[in-house]
Protein backbone atom coordinates (compact mmCIF):
# COMPACT_ATOMS: atom_id res chain seq x y z
CA MET A 1 180.98 199.57 48.10
CA ILE A 2 183.06 200.33 44.99
CA THR A 3 181.01 201.75 42.14
CA GLY A 4 181.58 203.57 38.86
CA ALA A 5 181.58 206.78 40.87
CA SER A 6 184.38 205.67 43.20
CA SER A 7 187.61 207.66 43.12
CA VAL A 8 190.60 205.38 42.57
CA PHE A 9 194.05 205.92 44.10
CA GLY A 10 196.99 203.58 44.41
CA ILE A 11 200.68 202.94 44.80
CA LEU A 12 203.18 202.31 41.99
CA GLY A 13 206.11 200.06 42.83
CA ARG A 14 207.96 196.80 42.23
CA PRO A 15 207.57 194.85 44.44
CA VAL A 16 204.49 196.35 46.05
CA ALA A 17 202.49 193.49 47.60
CA HIS A 18 204.11 194.13 50.99
CA SER A 19 203.05 197.80 51.14
CA LEU A 20 201.07 199.00 54.15
CA SER A 21 199.77 202.03 52.25
CA PRO A 22 196.54 200.38 51.00
CA ALA A 23 195.55 199.48 54.56
CA MET A 24 196.28 203.02 55.77
CA HIS A 25 194.49 204.90 53.01
CA ASN A 26 191.47 202.61 52.78
CA ALA A 27 190.95 202.87 56.54
CA ALA A 28 191.10 206.65 56.22
CA PHE A 29 188.60 206.71 53.33
CA HIS A 30 186.24 204.48 55.27
CA SER A 31 186.47 206.53 58.46
CA LEU A 32 185.48 209.71 56.61
CA GLY A 33 182.80 208.03 54.50
CA LEU A 34 184.58 208.80 51.23
CA ASN A 35 183.64 206.88 48.08
CA ALA A 36 187.24 206.01 47.23
CA VAL A 37 189.58 203.03 47.07
CA TYR A 38 193.38 202.68 47.13
CA VAL A 39 195.03 199.69 45.46
CA PRO A 40 198.59 198.43 44.86
CA PHE A 41 199.91 198.43 41.28
CA ALA A 42 202.90 196.19 40.54
CA VAL A 43 204.42 198.18 37.69
CA GLN A 44 206.31 196.49 34.87
CA ASN A 45 206.62 199.53 32.59
CA LEU A 46 206.61 202.92 34.32
CA ASP A 47 206.01 205.01 31.20
CA GLN A 48 202.90 202.99 30.32
CA ALA A 49 201.74 203.11 33.94
CA VAL A 50 201.95 206.91 34.04
CA GLN A 51 199.98 207.14 30.81
CA GLY A 52 197.45 204.82 32.43
CA LEU A 53 196.93 207.26 35.29
CA ARG A 54 195.64 209.78 32.79
CA GLY A 55 193.75 207.25 30.68
CA LEU A 56 191.93 205.74 33.66
CA ASN A 57 191.56 209.11 35.41
CA LEU A 58 193.02 207.92 38.70
CA GLY A 59 192.91 210.56 41.43
CA GLY A 60 196.53 210.10 42.41
CA VAL A 61 199.20 207.62 43.43
CA SER A 62 201.98 207.04 45.88
CA VAL A 63 205.32 206.11 44.29
CA THR A 64 207.76 203.71 45.89
CA ILE A 65 210.92 201.75 45.04
CA PRO A 66 212.32 201.75 42.40
CA PHE A 67 210.46 204.58 40.64
CA LYS A 68 210.81 207.71 42.80
CA GLU A 69 213.51 209.24 40.62
CA GLU A 70 212.57 207.64 37.31
CA ILE A 71 209.05 209.09 37.36
CA ILE A 72 210.11 212.76 37.48
CA PRO A 73 210.52 213.39 33.71
CA LEU A 74 207.22 211.60 33.00
CA LEU A 75 205.11 214.08 34.96
CA ASP A 76 203.59 217.36 33.78
CA GLU A 77 204.78 219.32 36.81
CA VAL A 78 207.00 218.67 39.83
CA ASP A 79 207.24 221.03 42.77
CA ASP A 80 210.49 222.65 43.87
CA LYS A 81 210.92 220.54 47.00
CA ALA A 82 210.69 217.25 45.10
CA LEU A 83 213.10 218.56 42.48
CA ARG A 84 215.54 219.59 45.20
CA ILE A 85 215.30 216.19 46.84
CA GLY A 86 215.46 214.47 43.46
CA ALA A 87 212.59 212.10 44.18
CA VAL A 88 208.78 212.06 43.88
CA ASN A 89 206.68 209.84 46.14
CA THR A 90 203.28 211.45 45.50
CA VAL A 91 201.43 212.19 42.24
CA VAL A 92 198.12 214.04 42.12
CA ASN A 93 195.96 214.08 39.00
CA ARG A 94 194.82 217.68 38.53
CA GLU A 95 192.23 217.43 35.77
CA GLY A 96 194.49 215.36 33.56
CA ARG A 97 197.77 217.04 34.52
CA LEU A 98 200.01 214.96 36.74
CA TRP A 99 201.66 216.94 39.55
CA GLY A 100 204.44 215.40 41.62
CA THR A 101 205.71 216.20 45.09
CA ASN A 102 207.53 214.56 47.97
CA THR A 103 205.99 213.89 51.38
CA ASP A 104 208.76 211.59 52.64
CA TRP A 105 210.66 214.55 54.05
CA GLU A 106 207.56 215.78 55.89
CA GLY A 107 206.98 212.32 57.32
CA ALA A 108 210.57 212.03 58.50
CA LEU A 109 210.49 215.49 60.05
CA ALA A 110 207.25 214.82 61.93
CA ALA A 111 208.52 211.46 63.21
CA LEU A 112 211.75 213.00 64.46
CA GLN A 113 210.09 216.02 66.02
CA ASP A 114 207.86 213.73 68.08
CA GLN A 115 211.02 212.70 69.93
CA THR A 116 213.59 215.48 69.59
CA GLY A 117 214.35 218.97 68.38
CA LEU A 118 216.61 219.22 65.35
CA ALA A 119 217.88 222.82 65.26
CA GLY A 120 221.60 222.76 66.02
CA GLN A 121 221.62 218.98 66.46
CA HIS A 122 224.10 216.68 64.71
CA VAL A 123 222.50 213.82 62.78
CA LEU A 124 224.08 210.81 61.08
CA VAL A 125 222.13 209.42 58.11
CA LEU A 126 223.03 205.94 56.88
CA GLY A 127 221.93 205.56 53.27
CA ALA A 128 222.05 208.00 50.36
CA GLY A 129 219.13 206.70 48.28
CA GLY A 130 215.75 208.37 47.78
CA ALA A 131 214.72 208.07 51.44
CA GLY A 132 218.11 209.27 52.62
CA ARG A 133 217.87 212.30 50.37
CA ALA A 134 214.44 213.20 51.77
CA ILE A 135 215.66 212.81 55.35
CA VAL A 136 218.78 214.91 54.80
CA TYR A 137 216.59 217.61 53.26
CA ALA A 138 214.22 217.45 56.25
CA VAL A 139 216.98 217.77 58.83
CA ARG A 140 218.63 220.64 56.99
CA GLN A 141 215.26 222.41 56.67
CA ALA A 142 214.89 222.12 60.44
CA GLY A 143 218.33 223.62 61.10
CA GLY A 144 220.22 220.42 61.89
CA GLU A 145 223.74 219.43 60.86
CA VAL A 146 224.03 216.20 58.87
CA ALA A 147 226.70 213.63 58.08
CA VAL A 148 225.98 210.99 55.40
CA ALA A 149 227.44 207.51 55.05
CA ASP A 150 226.66 204.80 52.49
CA VAL A 151 228.29 201.68 51.08
CA ASP A 152 228.28 203.63 47.80
CA GLU A 153 230.70 206.39 48.81
CA THR A 154 230.32 208.30 45.55
CA ARG A 155 226.58 208.58 46.05
CA ALA A 156 227.03 209.65 49.68
CA LYS A 157 229.59 212.31 48.72
CA THR A 158 227.27 213.67 46.03
CA LEU A 159 224.36 213.89 48.46
CA ALA A 160 226.50 215.59 51.10
CA GLN A 161 227.72 218.17 48.60
CA GLU A 162 224.22 218.96 47.34
CA PHE A 163 222.82 219.67 50.80
CA GLY A 164 225.78 221.20 52.60
CA ALA A 165 226.24 218.08 54.70
CA SER A 166 229.37 216.13 55.63
CA PHE A 167 230.50 212.82 54.17
CA LEU A 168 231.82 210.01 56.34
CA PRO A 169 233.12 206.62 55.21
CA LEU A 170 230.85 203.93 56.63
CA ILE A 171 233.69 202.50 58.73
CA GLU A 172 234.11 205.89 60.44
CA ALA A 173 230.44 206.82 60.59
CA ALA A 174 230.03 206.77 64.37
CA GLN A 175 233.17 208.84 65.03
CA GLY A 176 231.52 212.18 64.32
CA PRO A 177 229.61 214.43 66.75
CA ALA A 178 226.15 213.07 65.88
CA THR A 179 223.80 212.19 68.74
CA ILE A 180 220.91 211.24 66.41
CA LEU A 181 221.21 208.20 64.12
CA ILE A 182 218.86 207.49 61.21
CA ASN A 183 219.03 204.27 59.22
CA ALA A 184 217.73 205.17 55.74
CA SER A 185 219.09 201.97 54.20
CA PRO A 186 217.40 198.55 53.83
CA VAL A 187 219.82 196.95 56.30
CA GLY A 188 217.77 194.99 58.84
CA MET A 189 214.76 194.50 56.58
CA ALA A 190 213.11 191.07 56.38
CA PRO A 191 214.28 188.46 55.55
CA GLN A 192 217.67 189.70 56.88
CA GLU A 193 216.39 190.75 60.30
CA ASP A 194 219.65 189.88 62.04
CA THR A 195 221.69 192.48 60.19
CA ILE A 196 222.56 195.86 61.69
CA PRO A 197 224.05 198.91 59.92
CA LEU A 198 226.59 199.81 62.64
CA PRO A 199 228.63 197.75 65.10
CA LEU A 200 226.90 197.38 68.48
CA ASP A 201 229.64 199.20 70.37
CA LYS A 202 229.01 202.33 68.28
CA LEU A 203 225.36 202.70 69.28
CA LYS A 204 226.16 204.16 72.69
CA HIS A 205 227.05 207.47 71.00
CA PHE A 206 223.42 208.11 70.00
CA GLN A 207 220.63 209.50 72.18
CA VAL A 208 217.95 208.99 69.48
CA VAL A 209 217.89 206.19 66.90
CA MET A 210 215.39 206.07 64.02
CA ASP A 211 214.97 203.27 61.49
CA ILE A 212 212.88 203.66 58.33
CA VAL A 213 212.57 199.87 58.00
CA TYR A 214 209.12 198.73 59.15
CA LYS A 215 209.29 195.01 58.39
CA PRO A 216 210.11 193.99 61.07
CA LEU A 217 208.74 196.90 63.07
CA GLN A 218 211.30 196.45 65.85
CA THR A 219 214.51 195.97 63.90
CA ARG A 220 217.65 194.69 65.54
CA LEU A 221 219.04 198.22 65.37
CA LEU A 222 216.12 199.57 67.41
CA ARG A 223 216.22 196.71 69.92
CA GLU A 224 219.94 197.08 70.53
CA ALA A 225 219.71 200.88 70.72
CA ALA A 226 216.85 200.70 73.24
CA ALA A 227 218.85 198.23 75.33
CA GLN A 228 221.63 200.82 75.53
CA GLY A 229 219.24 203.55 76.64
CA SER A 230 218.52 205.38 73.37
CA ARG A 231 215.09 206.71 72.47
CA THR A 232 213.91 204.91 69.33
CA ILE A 233 211.62 205.74 66.40
CA ASP A 234 210.32 202.86 64.31
CA GLY A 235 209.71 202.95 60.57
CA LEU A 236 205.95 203.07 60.94
CA GLN A 237 206.12 206.65 62.21
CA MET A 238 207.62 208.15 59.05
CA LEU A 239 205.38 205.93 56.90
CA VAL A 240 202.19 207.11 58.62
CA TYR A 241 203.06 210.79 58.63
CA GLN A 242 204.07 210.85 54.96
CA GLY A 243 200.92 208.88 54.11
CA ALA A 244 198.75 211.30 56.06
CA ARG A 245 200.15 214.20 54.07
CA GLN A 246 199.48 212.26 50.85
CA PHE A 247 195.89 211.67 51.95
CA GLU A 248 195.40 215.41 52.43
CA LEU A 249 196.79 216.12 48.98
CA PHE A 250 194.59 213.42 47.42
CA THR A 251 191.36 214.46 49.13
CA GLY A 252 191.68 218.01 50.43
CA ARG A 253 190.53 216.68 53.82
CA PRO A 254 192.44 216.52 57.13
CA ALA A 255 193.94 213.06 57.56
CA PRO A 256 192.70 210.82 60.40
CA VAL A 257 196.27 210.13 61.48
CA GLU A 258 195.56 207.83 64.41
CA ILE A 259 193.20 205.68 62.32
CA MET A 260 195.89 205.39 59.65
CA ARG A 261 198.47 204.47 62.29
CA GLN A 262 196.31 201.72 63.76
CA ALA A 263 195.50 200.31 60.31
CA ALA A 264 199.18 200.24 59.35
CA LEU A 265 200.10 198.63 62.66
CA ALA A 266 197.47 195.93 62.20
CA ALA A 267 198.60 195.28 58.62
CA ALA A 268 202.23 195.09 59.73
CA GLY A 269 201.29 192.16 61.96
């Protein structure tokens, strides 16, 4: 039961009603008997929202589209990894000082390492936004080689330069040596479930295919890749692992990962 003593956490985004994070975190709080609640905040003004975190003494928040980059200068402190990635997805209130970090890269790394090693592997990342940046950072940290493609070629070139990766025009994306494909773009997300980021005949090059989209959970990309024999990683995996790391930062307690996974899966329908 929520009381005046309950710790309050949440997620800042726009839109945010579709987020699975409240289901994950609230299930985790409940399983550990913590007097805490996690709620979605549909933010209209980010500066005012950040001031509200201090004013209301919230314990911390997740940050999602479109605020992961915009929030950085509004925080009191940002760790080196988030600065390197250029995006914050987690804010912890440390006695009135707001500290930002990024757990997306940890979530991506854990999801990938469940299925494959990365050292010395060649990876193609489609999408050079905040999620793409975190994934490129993760793969490079693990010793993998990365090529980046995006409809916005300037953004993809910039990302590639920053992380010592390669740039590929989207039309040539599957021509490189990559055997691991990661869709870090919104292509295939509801309500455009029929879309796919690469032509079907290009999927045969990849042994492992990961999609960060989780609505629908089995995107067309994953279905087509599985039909051609690739191992697949759905978007729920990265979401759960990054959320588990957030939970640990919020509470100082080990995350009940499987409980969070089952809650997210149930909420995803």
